[in-house]
Amino acid sequence: MKTIFKLLIIALLFSSCQEQQKIGFIDNGDVINDYKMKIDVEETYKVKKEAFEKRMDSINRDFQVEVKAFQLAQAKMSQNKAQEKYNELGQKNQQLTQQFQIEQQVMQQAFAKEMDSIISKVDDFVSEYGKANGYTFILGKNEAGSVMYGQEANDLTKTITEALNAEYKPEEKK
């Protein structure tokens, strides 16, 4: 009986000496969406997109004027001259379409690259925050369900977002 009692005491001592693991979680989407750097990047690209669309609309309007002028003058042209002008306008339309697609693709790739950079910054920040504050794990909550439940006391979403935004200096933008 004494040996069983001694074993229970030893087991109890070992289990009480175990270091408690500090675990927290963040809602990945909320942290990213509320990060000022991401908001600034989105605003910058919104302005760029609007400027691109205005320029594209202006070029399109000019092209449509050229098409209308051709349609009006077509009756007075020889068939060969009209066909030549028609082919020229078709080629110009194709070139404009390709130019717009390339510019739009370049803009989308630049935006995606900046968003990837922001996600990397957030990942690095959360990692450093976890180390500095003694966390064993900081889990990411997302729609895929990696964290199905977490006590509100362990939710670091607001804390991380505030710390990220406090560290962000808008003049660091490119």
N, C-alpha and C. Protein backbone atom coordinates (compact mmCIF):
# COMPACT_ATOMS: atom_id res chain seq x y z
N MET A 1 0.83 -1.19 0.00
CA MET A 1 0.00 0.00 0.00
C MET A 1 0.87 1.25 0.00
N LYS A 2 1.97 1.20 0.80
CA LYS A 2 2.86 2.35 0.86
C LYS A 2 3.50 2.61 -0.50
N THR A 3 3.85 1.59 -1.24
CA THR A 3 4.49 1.77 -2.53
C THR A 3 3.52 2.37 -3.55
N ILE A 4 2.27 1.97 -3.48
CA ILE A 4 1.27 2.56 -4.39
C ILE A 4 1.09 4.03 -4.05
N PHE A 5 1.04 4.35 -2.77
CA PHE A 5 0.89 5.73 -2.34
C PHE A 5 2.09 6.56 -2.79
N LYS A 6 3.31 6.00 -2.65
CA LYS A 6 4.53 6.70 -3.07
C LYS A 6 4.51 6.92 -4.60
N LEU A 7 4.09 5.92 -5.34
CA LEU A 7 4.01 6.04 -6.80
C LEU A 7 3.01 7.12 -7.22
N LEU A 8 1.88 7.19 -6.54
CA LEU A 8 0.89 8.23 -6.84
C LEU A 8 1.45 9.61 -6.55
N ILE A 9 2.17 9.76 -5.46
CA ILE A 9 2.76 11.06 -5.11
C ILE A 9 3.81 11.44 -6.15
N ILE A 10 4.64 10.51 -6.56
CA ILE A 10 5.67 10.79 -7.56
C ILE A 10 5.01 11.17 -8.90
N ALA A 11 3.97 10.44 -9.28
CA ALA A 11 3.26 10.74 -10.53
C ALA A 11 2.62 12.12 -10.45
N LEU A 12 2.07 12.46 -9.30
CA LEU A 12 1.47 13.76 -9.10
C LEU A 12 2.51 14.87 -9.18
N LEU A 13 3.67 14.64 -8.61
CA LEU A 13 4.75 15.62 -8.67
C LEU A 13 5.23 15.83 -10.10
N PHE A 14 5.40 14.76 -10.83
CA PHE A 14 5.84 14.87 -12.23
C PHE A 14 4.82 15.63 -13.07
N SER A 15 3.56 15.33 -12.87
CA SER A 15 2.54 15.99 -13.68
C SER A 15 2.41 17.46 -13.31
N SER A 16 2.65 17.80 -12.04
CA SER A 16 2.56 19.21 -11.64
C SER A 16 3.79 20.00 -12.08
N CYS A 17 4.90 19.30 -12.33
CA CYS A 17 6.11 19.97 -12.79
C CYS A 17 6.08 20.24 -14.30
N GLN A 18 5.16 19.59 -14.98
CA GLN A 18 5.06 19.80 -16.43
C GLN A 18 4.77 21.28 -16.70
N GLU A 19 5.48 21.83 -17.66
CA GLU A 19 5.28 23.23 -18.04
C GLU A 19 3.97 23.35 -18.81
N GLN A 20 3.16 24.32 -18.43
CA GLN A 20 1.92 24.57 -19.14
C GLN A 20 2.23 25.19 -20.49
N GLN A 21 1.58 24.69 -21.52
CA GLN A 21 1.78 25.25 -22.85
C GLN A 21 0.82 26.40 -23.04
N LYS A 22 1.36 27.50 -23.53
CA LYS A 22 0.56 28.69 -23.79
C LYS A 22 0.13 28.63 -25.25
N ILE A 23 -1.17 28.58 -25.47
CA ILE A 23 -1.71 28.45 -26.82
C ILE A 23 -2.72 29.57 -27.07
N GLY A 24 -2.62 30.17 -28.23
CA GLY A 24 -3.57 31.20 -28.63
C GLY A 24 -3.96 30.96 -30.08
N PHE A 25 -4.91 31.74 -30.56
CA PHE A 25 -5.29 31.62 -31.96
C PHE A 25 -5.67 33.00 -32.49
N ILE A 26 -5.61 33.12 -33.80
CA ILE A 26 -6.04 34.35 -34.46
C ILE A 26 -6.98 33.97 -35.60
N ASP A 27 -7.85 34.88 -35.94
CA ASP A 27 -8.67 34.74 -37.13
C ASP A 27 -7.87 35.36 -38.27
N ASN A 28 -7.28 34.50 -39.09
CA ASN A 28 -6.38 34.96 -40.16
C ASN A 28 -7.03 36.05 -41.02
N GLY A 29 -8.25 35.82 -41.44
CA GLY A 29 -8.94 36.76 -42.31
C GLY A 29 -9.11 38.12 -41.67
N ASP A 30 -9.50 38.14 -40.40
CA ASP A 30 -9.69 39.42 -39.71
C ASP A 30 -8.38 40.17 -39.55
N VAL A 31 -7.31 39.44 -39.21
CA VAL A 31 -6.01 40.11 -39.03
C VAL A 31 -5.58 40.74 -40.36
N ILE A 32 -5.64 39.98 -41.44
CA ILE A 32 -5.22 40.49 -42.75
C ILE A 32 -6.13 41.65 -43.18
N ASN A 33 -7.43 41.46 -43.08
CA ASN A 33 -8.37 42.48 -43.55
C ASN A 33 -8.31 43.78 -42.76
N ASP A 34 -7.93 43.71 -41.50
CA ASP A 34 -7.85 44.91 -40.67
C ASP A 34 -6.45 45.50 -40.60
N TYR A 35 -5.50 44.91 -41.30
CA TYR A 35 -4.12 45.40 -41.31
C TYR A 35 -4.05 46.64 -42.20
N LYS A 36 -3.60 47.73 -41.63
CA LYS A 36 -3.56 49.01 -42.35
C LYS A 36 -2.74 48.95 -43.63
N MET A 37 -1.65 48.20 -43.61
CA MET A 37 -0.82 48.08 -44.82
C MET A 37 -1.64 47.48 -45.96
N LYS A 38 -2.42 46.45 -45.66
CA LYS A 38 -3.25 45.81 -46.70
C LYS A 38 -4.31 46.80 -47.19
N ILE A 39 -4.90 47.53 -46.28
CA ILE A 39 -5.91 48.52 -46.66
C ILE A 39 -5.30 49.59 -47.56
N ASP A 40 -4.08 50.03 -47.22
CA ASP A 40 -3.39 51.04 -48.04
C ASP A 40 -3.06 50.49 -49.43
N VAL A 41 -2.59 49.25 -49.49
CA VAL A 41 -2.26 48.64 -50.79
C VAL A 41 -3.53 48.53 -51.64
N GLU A 42 -4.62 48.09 -51.04
CA GLU A 42 -5.88 47.99 -51.79
C GLU A 42 -6.32 49.35 -52.30
N GLU A 43 -6.17 50.37 -51.49
CA GLU A 43 -6.56 51.72 -51.90
C GLU A 43 -5.68 52.19 -53.06
N THR A 44 -4.39 51.94 -52.98
CA THR A 44 -3.46 52.32 -54.05
C THR A 44 -3.85 51.66 -55.36
N TYR A 45 -4.14 50.36 -55.30
CA TYR A 45 -4.50 49.65 -56.53
C TYR A 45 -5.90 50.03 -57.01
N LYS A 46 -6.76 50.42 -56.13
CA LYS A 46 -8.08 50.90 -56.54
C LYS A 46 -7.91 52.17 -57.37
N VAL A 47 -7.06 53.07 -56.91
CA VAL A 47 -6.79 54.31 -57.64
C VAL A 47 -6.14 54.00 -58.99
N LYS A 48 -5.16 53.09 -58.99
CA LYS A 48 -4.50 52.70 -60.24
C LYS A 48 -5.50 52.08 -61.22
N LYS A 49 -6.38 51.23 -60.70
CA LYS A 49 -7.37 50.57 -61.56
C LYS A 49 -8.33 51.60 -62.15
N GLU A 50 -8.77 52.55 -61.34
CA GLU A 50 -9.67 53.58 -61.84
C GLU A 50 -8.99 54.43 -62.92
N ALA A 51 -7.73 54.77 -62.72
CA ALA A 51 -6.99 55.55 -63.72
C ALA A 51 -6.84 54.73 -65.00
N PHE A 52 -6.54 53.45 -64.86
CA PHE A 52 -6.41 52.56 -66.02
C PHE A 52 -7.73 52.50 -66.78
N GLU A 53 -8.84 52.32 -66.05
CA GLU A 53 -10.14 52.22 -66.70
C GLU A 53 -10.52 53.52 -67.41
N LYS A 54 -10.21 54.67 -66.80
CA LYS A 54 -10.50 55.96 -67.44
C LYS A 54 -9.69 56.09 -68.73
N ARG A 55 -8.41 55.74 -68.68
CA ARG A 55 -7.56 55.82 -69.85
C ARG A 55 -8.06 54.87 -70.94
N MET A 56 -8.44 53.65 -70.52
CA MET A 56 -8.95 52.67 -71.46
C MET A 56 -10.25 53.17 -72.11
N ASP A 57 -11.14 53.74 -71.31
CA ASP A 57 -12.40 54.28 -71.84
C ASP A 57 -12.14 55.41 -72.83
N SER A 58 -11.19 56.25 -72.50
CA SER A 58 -10.85 57.37 -73.39
C SER A 58 -10.32 56.86 -74.73
N ILE A 59 -9.42 55.90 -74.68
CA ILE A 59 -8.86 55.33 -75.91
C ILE A 59 -9.96 54.63 -76.70
N ASN A 60 -10.85 53.94 -76.01
CA ASN A 60 -11.98 53.26 -76.67
C ASN A 60 -12.90 54.26 -77.35
N ARG A 61 -13.19 55.37 -76.66
CA ARG A 61 -14.05 56.42 -77.25
C ARG A 61 -13.40 56.97 -78.52
N ASP A 62 -12.11 57.26 -78.45
CA ASP A 62 -11.39 57.76 -79.63
C ASP A 62 -11.46 56.75 -80.78
N PHE A 63 -11.31 55.50 -80.45
CA PHE A 63 -11.37 54.46 -81.48
C PHE A 63 -12.77 54.39 -82.09
N GLN A 64 -13.79 54.49 -81.25
CA GLN A 64 -15.17 54.45 -81.76
C GLN A 64 -15.46 55.64 -82.67
N VAL A 65 -14.89 56.80 -82.36
CA VAL A 65 -15.03 57.98 -83.23
C VAL A 65 -14.39 57.68 -84.58
N GLU A 66 -13.22 57.06 -84.55
CA GLU A 66 -12.53 56.70 -85.78
C GLU A 66 -13.36 55.71 -86.60
N VAL A 67 -14.01 54.74 -85.94
CA VAL A 67 -14.85 53.76 -86.62
C VAL A 67 -16.06 54.45 -87.25
N LYS A 68 -16.70 55.37 -86.51
CA LYS A 68 -17.87 56.11 -87.03
C LYS A 68 -17.47 56.93 -88.25
N ALA A 69 -16.31 57.58 -88.15
CA ALA A 69 -15.83 58.39 -89.29
C ALA A 69 -15.62 57.50 -90.51
N PHE A 70 -15.07 56.33 -90.30
CA PHE A 70 -14.88 55.39 -91.41
C PHE A 70 -16.22 54.99 -92.00
N GLN A 71 -17.18 54.67 -91.12
CA GLN A 71 -18.50 54.23 -91.60
C GLN A 71 -19.16 55.32 -92.44
N LEU A 72 -18.99 56.58 -92.05
CA LEU A 72 -19.57 57.68 -92.82
C LEU A 72 -18.84 57.89 -94.14
N ALA A 73 -17.53 57.72 -94.14
CA ALA A 73 -16.73 57.97 -95.34
C ALA A 73 -16.67 56.76 -96.26
N GLN A 74 -17.08 55.61 -95.77
CA GLN A 74 -16.97 54.36 -96.51
C GLN A 74 -17.69 54.41 -97.86
N ALA A 75 -18.83 55.05 -97.92
CA ALA A 75 -19.62 55.12 -99.16
C ALA A 75 -18.87 55.84 -100.27
N LYS A 76 -18.01 56.79 -99.91
CA LYS A 76 -17.28 57.58 -100.89
C LYS A 76 -15.95 56.95 -101.29
N MET A 77 -15.58 55.82 -100.63
CA MET A 77 -14.30 55.16 -100.90
C MET A 77 -14.46 54.04 -101.92
N SER A 78 -13.37 53.74 -102.57
CA SER A 78 -13.37 52.57 -103.45
C SER A 78 -13.44 51.33 -102.56
N GLN A 79 -13.87 50.24 -103.17
CA GLN A 79 -14.02 49.01 -102.38
C GLN A 79 -12.67 48.55 -101.80
N ASN A 80 -11.60 48.67 -102.59
CA ASN A 80 -10.27 48.27 -102.10
C ASN A 80 -9.82 49.16 -100.95
N LYS A 81 -10.03 50.47 -101.08
CA LYS A 81 -9.63 51.41 -100.04
C LYS A 81 -10.44 51.17 -98.76
N ALA A 82 -11.74 50.92 -98.91
CA ALA A 82 -12.61 50.65 -97.77
C ALA A 82 -12.18 49.36 -97.06
N GLN A 83 -11.87 48.33 -97.85
CA GLN A 83 -11.43 47.06 -97.27
C GLN A 83 -10.11 47.24 -96.52
N GLU A 84 -9.21 48.01 -97.10
CA GLU A 84 -7.91 48.29 -96.48
C GLU A 84 -8.09 49.02 -95.14
N LYS A 85 -8.96 50.02 -95.14
CA LYS A 85 -9.23 50.78 -93.91
C LYS A 85 -9.92 49.89 -92.86
N TYR A 86 -10.83 49.05 -93.33
CA TYR A 86 -11.53 48.13 -92.43
C TYR A 86 -10.53 47.18 -91.76
N ASN A 87 -9.62 46.62 -92.53
CA ASN A 87 -8.59 45.72 -91.99
C ASN A 87 -7.69 46.46 -91.01
N GLU A 88 -7.35 47.69 -91.34
CA GLU A 88 -6.51 48.52 -90.47
C GLU A 88 -7.19 48.76 -89.12
N LEU A 89 -8.49 49.07 -89.16
CA LEU A 89 -9.24 49.29 -87.92
C LEU A 89 -9.35 48.00 -87.10
N GLY A 90 -9.55 46.88 -87.78
CA GLY A 90 -9.62 45.59 -87.08
C GLY A 90 -8.31 45.26 -86.38
N GLN A 91 -7.20 45.54 -87.08
CA GLN A 91 -5.88 45.30 -86.50
C GLN A 91 -5.62 46.23 -85.30
N LYS A 92 -6.04 47.48 -85.45
CA LYS A 92 -5.87 48.46 -84.36
C LYS A 92 -6.68 48.02 -83.14
N ASN A 93 -7.90 47.54 -83.39
CA ASN A 93 -8.76 47.08 -82.29
C ASN A 93 -8.11 45.90 -81.57
N GLN A 94 -7.54 44.99 -82.34
CA GLN A 94 -6.88 43.81 -81.76
C GLN A 94 -5.66 44.24 -80.93
N GLN A 95 -4.89 45.19 -81.42
CA GLN A 95 -3.71 45.68 -80.70
C GLN A 95 -4.11 46.36 -79.40
N LEU A 96 -5.18 47.17 -79.46
CA LEU A 96 -5.65 47.85 -78.24
C LEU A 96 -6.13 46.83 -77.20
N THR A 97 -6.85 45.83 -77.66
CA THR A 97 -7.35 44.79 -76.74
C THR A 97 -6.18 44.06 -76.08
N GLN A 98 -5.18 43.70 -76.86
CA GLN A 98 -4.00 43.02 -76.31
C GLN A 98 -3.26 43.92 -75.32
N GLN A 99 -3.11 45.19 -75.68
CA GLN A 99 -2.43 46.15 -74.80
C GLN A 99 -3.15 46.26 -73.46
N PHE A 100 -4.47 46.37 -73.51
CA PHE A 100 -5.26 46.49 -72.28
C PHE A 100 -5.13 45.23 -71.43
N GLN A 101 -5.18 44.07 -72.07
CA GLN A 101 -5.07 42.81 -71.34
C GLN A 101 -3.70 42.67 -70.67
N ILE A 102 -2.66 43.04 -71.38
CA ILE A 102 -1.30 42.96 -70.82
C ILE A 102 -1.16 43.90 -69.63
N GLU A 103 -1.61 45.13 -69.80
CA GLU A 103 -1.51 46.11 -68.70
C GLU A 103 -2.31 45.66 -67.49
N GLN A 104 -3.50 45.12 -67.73
CA GLN A 104 -4.33 44.65 -66.63
C GLN A 104 -3.67 43.47 -65.92
N GLN A 105 -3.08 42.57 -66.68
CA GLN A 105 -2.40 41.40 -66.12
C GLN A 105 -1.19 41.83 -65.28
N VAL A 106 -0.42 42.79 -65.78
CA VAL A 106 0.74 43.30 -65.04
C VAL A 106 0.29 43.91 -63.72
N MET A 107 -0.80 44.68 -63.77
CA MET A 107 -1.31 45.31 -62.55
C MET A 107 -1.79 44.25 -61.55
N GLN A 108 -2.48 43.22 -62.04
CA GLN A 108 -2.98 42.16 -61.16
C GLN A 108 -1.82 41.37 -60.54
N GLN A 109 -0.78 41.12 -61.32
CA GLN A 109 0.38 40.39 -60.79
C GLN A 109 1.10 41.22 -59.72
N ALA A 110 1.23 42.52 -59.96
CA ALA A 110 1.88 43.39 -58.97
C ALA A 110 1.07 43.41 -57.67
N PHE A 111 -0.25 43.47 -57.79
CA PHE A 111 -1.12 43.46 -56.62
C PHE A 111 -0.97 42.14 -55.87
N ALA A 112 -1.00 41.03 -56.59
CA ALA A 112 -0.86 39.71 -55.95
C ALA A 112 0.49 39.59 -55.24
N LYS A 113 1.53 40.12 -55.85
CA LYS A 113 2.86 40.07 -55.24
C LYS A 113 2.88 40.87 -53.93
N GLU A 114 2.26 42.05 -53.95
CA GLU A 114 2.21 42.86 -52.71
C GLU A 114 1.37 42.17 -51.64
N MET A 115 0.27 41.53 -52.03
CA MET A 115 -0.56 40.83 -51.06
C MET A 115 0.20 39.64 -50.46
N ASP A 116 0.95 38.93 -51.29
CA ASP A 116 1.78 37.83 -50.77
C ASP A 116 2.80 38.35 -49.77
N SER A 117 3.38 39.50 -50.06
CA SER A 117 4.35 40.12 -49.16
C SER A 117 3.70 40.49 -47.83
N ILE A 118 2.48 40.99 -47.89
CA ILE A 118 1.76 41.36 -46.66
C ILE A 118 1.47 40.11 -45.84
N ILE A 119 1.04 39.04 -46.49
CA ILE A 119 0.76 37.80 -45.76
C ILE A 119 2.03 37.27 -45.11
N SER A 120 3.15 37.36 -45.81
CA SER A 120 4.43 36.94 -45.22
C SER A 120 4.79 37.79 -44.02
N LYS A 121 4.57 39.10 -44.12
CA LYS A 121 4.84 40.00 -42.99
C LYS A 121 3.99 39.62 -41.78
N VAL A 122 2.72 39.34 -42.03
CA VAL A 122 1.83 38.96 -40.93
C VAL A 122 2.30 37.65 -40.31
N ASP A 123 2.65 36.68 -41.15
CA ASP A 123 3.14 35.39 -40.63
C ASP A 123 4.39 35.59 -39.77
N ASP A 124 5.34 36.38 -40.28
CA ASP A 124 6.57 36.64 -39.53
C ASP A 124 6.27 37.36 -38.22
N PHE A 125 5.35 38.34 -38.29
CA PHE A 125 5.00 39.10 -37.08
C PHE A 125 4.37 38.19 -36.03
N VAL A 126 3.44 37.34 -36.44
CA VAL A 126 2.78 36.43 -35.50
C VAL A 126 3.80 35.48 -34.89
N SER A 127 4.73 35.01 -35.69
CA SER A 127 5.78 34.12 -35.20
C SER A 127 6.63 34.83 -34.14
N GLU A 128 7.06 36.04 -34.45
CA GLU A 128 7.87 36.80 -33.50
C GLU A 128 7.07 37.16 -32.25
N TYR A 129 5.81 37.50 -32.42
CA TYR A 129 4.94 37.82 -31.29
C TYR A 129 4.81 36.59 -30.38
N GLY A 130 4.63 35.43 -30.98
CA GLY A 130 4.50 34.21 -30.20
C GLY A 130 5.75 33.92 -29.40
N LYS A 131 6.92 34.07 -30.03
CA LYS A 131 8.20 33.85 -29.34
C LYS A 131 8.37 34.84 -28.20
N ALA A 132 8.12 36.12 -28.49
CA ALA A 132 8.34 37.17 -27.50
C ALA A 132 7.39 37.07 -26.31
N ASN A 133 6.22 36.48 -26.53
CA ASN A 133 5.22 36.41 -25.46
C ASN A 133 5.02 35.01 -24.90
N GLY A 134 5.94 34.12 -25.19
CA GLY A 134 5.94 32.80 -24.56
C GLY A 134 4.88 31.84 -25.04
N TYR A 135 4.41 31.97 -26.25
CA TYR A 135 3.41 31.04 -26.77
C TYR A 135 4.08 29.80 -27.33
N THR A 136 3.50 28.66 -27.03
CA THR A 136 3.96 27.41 -27.63
C THR A 136 3.37 27.29 -29.02
N PHE A 137 2.11 27.68 -29.16
CA PHE A 137 1.41 27.65 -30.44
C PHE A 137 0.54 28.88 -30.58
N ILE A 138 0.48 29.41 -31.79
CA ILE A 138 -0.57 30.37 -32.16
C ILE A 138 -1.18 29.77 -33.42
N LEU A 139 -2.41 29.37 -33.29
CA LEU A 139 -3.11 28.71 -34.39
C LEU A 139 -3.85 29.73 -35.23
N GLY A 140 -4.08 29.37 -36.47
CA GLY A 140 -4.83 30.24 -37.38
C GLY A 140 -6.23 29.73 -37.59
N LYS A 141 -7.20 30.58 -37.35
CA LYS A 141 -8.60 30.22 -37.56
C LYS A 141 -8.99 30.73 -38.94
N ASN A 142 -9.62 29.84 -39.72
CA ASN A 142 -10.06 30.24 -41.04
C ASN A 142 -11.29 29.44 -41.44
N GLU A 143 -11.76 29.68 -42.65
CA GLU A 143 -12.96 29.01 -43.11
C GLU A 143 -12.77 27.50 -43.26
N ALA A 144 -11.53 27.08 -43.47
CA ALA A 144 -11.26 25.65 -43.61
C ALA A 144 -11.45 24.91 -42.28
N GLY A 145 -11.47 25.66 -41.18
CA GLY A 145 -11.78 25.05 -39.90
C GLY A 145 -10.60 24.53 -39.12
N SER A 146 -9.43 25.15 -39.25
CA SER A 146 -8.28 24.67 -38.49
C SER A 146 -8.48 24.88 -37.00
N VAL A 147 -9.24 25.87 -36.59
CA VAL A 147 -9.63 26.05 -35.19
C VAL A 147 -11.15 26.10 -35.18
N MET A 148 -11.74 25.06 -34.67
CA MET A 148 -13.19 24.99 -34.65
C MET A 148 -13.76 25.73 -33.44
N TYR A 149 -13.00 25.74 -32.37
CA TYR A 149 -13.43 26.42 -31.15
C TYR A 149 -12.20 26.89 -30.40
N GLY A 150 -12.32 28.03 -29.80
CA GLY A 150 -11.28 28.54 -28.92
C GLY A 150 -11.90 29.47 -27.90
N GLN A 151 -11.41 29.38 -26.68
CA GLN A 151 -11.92 30.29 -25.66
C GLN A 151 -11.55 31.71 -26.04
N GLU A 152 -12.46 32.61 -25.79
CA GLU A 152 -12.25 34.01 -26.15
C GLU A 152 -10.97 34.56 -25.53
N ALA A 153 -10.62 34.08 -24.37
CA ALA A 153 -9.40 34.54 -23.69
C ALA A 153 -8.14 34.20 -24.48
N ASN A 154 -8.22 33.18 -25.33
CA ASN A 154 -7.07 32.76 -26.13
C ASN A 154 -7.08 33.36 -27.54
N ASP A 155 -8.09 34.18 -27.84
CA ASP A 155 -8.21 34.80 -29.16
C ASP A 155 -7.31 36.03 -29.20
N LEU A 156 -6.26 35.95 -30.00
CA LEU A 156 -5.27 37.02 -30.10
C LEU A 156 -5.51 37.92 -31.32
N THR A 157 -6.61 37.73 -32.01
CA THR A 157 -6.86 38.45 -33.26
C THR A 157 -6.73 39.96 -33.07
N LYS A 158 -7.43 40.50 -32.12
CA LYS A 158 -7.42 41.96 -31.90
C LYS A 158 -6.03 42.43 -31.44
N THR A 159 -5.44 41.69 -30.53
CA THR A 159 -4.12 42.05 -30.00
C THR A 159 -3.07 42.07 -31.11
N ILE A 160 -3.06 41.03 -31.93
CA ILE A 160 -2.09 40.94 -33.03
C ILE A 160 -2.34 42.05 -34.04
N THR A 161 -3.60 42.27 -34.40
CA THR A 161 -3.93 43.31 -35.38
C THR A 161 -3.49 44.68 -34.88
N GLU A 162 -3.78 44.97 -33.63
CA GLU A 162 -3.38 46.27 -33.07
C GLU A 162 -1.86 46.42 -33.05
N ALA A 163 -1.16 45.36 -32.68
CA ALA A 163 0.31 45.42 -32.65
C ALA A 163 0.89 45.58 -34.06
N LEU A 164 0.33 44.87 -35.02
CA LEU A 164 0.76 45.00 -36.42
C LEU A 164 0.56 46.43 -36.92
N ASN A 165 -0.62 46.96 -36.66
CA ASN A 165 -0.93 48.32 -37.12
C ASN A 165 -0.08 49.37 -36.41
N ALA A 166 0.26 49.12 -35.15
CA ALA A 166 1.11 50.06 -34.41
C ALA A 166 2.52 50.06 -35.01
N GLU A 167 2.96 48.91 -35.50
CA GLU A 167 4.30 48.79 -36.07
C GLU A 167 4.37 49.36 -37.49
N TYR A 168 3.24 49.35 -38.20
CA TYR A 168 3.20 49.78 -39.61
C TYR A 168 3.35 51.29 -39.72
N LYS A 169 4.26 51.70 -40.57
CA LYS A 169 4.49 53.12 -40.84
C LYS A 169 4.19 53.35 -42.33
N PRO A 170 3.14 54.10 -42.66
CA PRO A 170 2.77 54.29 -44.07
C PRO A 170 3.89 54.82 -44.96
N GLU A 171 4.83 55.57 -44.43
CA GLU A 171 5.91 56.10 -45.26
C GLU A 171 6.87 55.00 -45.71
N GLU A 172 6.69 53.77 -45.18
CA GLU A 172 7.51 52.65 -45.62
C GLU A 172 7.07 52.14 -46.97
N LYS A 173 5.89 52.60 -47.44
CA LYS A 173 5.37 52.12 -48.72
C LYS A 173 6.33 52.48 -49.84
N LYS A 174 6.26 51.65 -50.89
CA LYS A 174 7.11 51.89 -52.06
C LYS A 174 6.48 52.93 -52.94
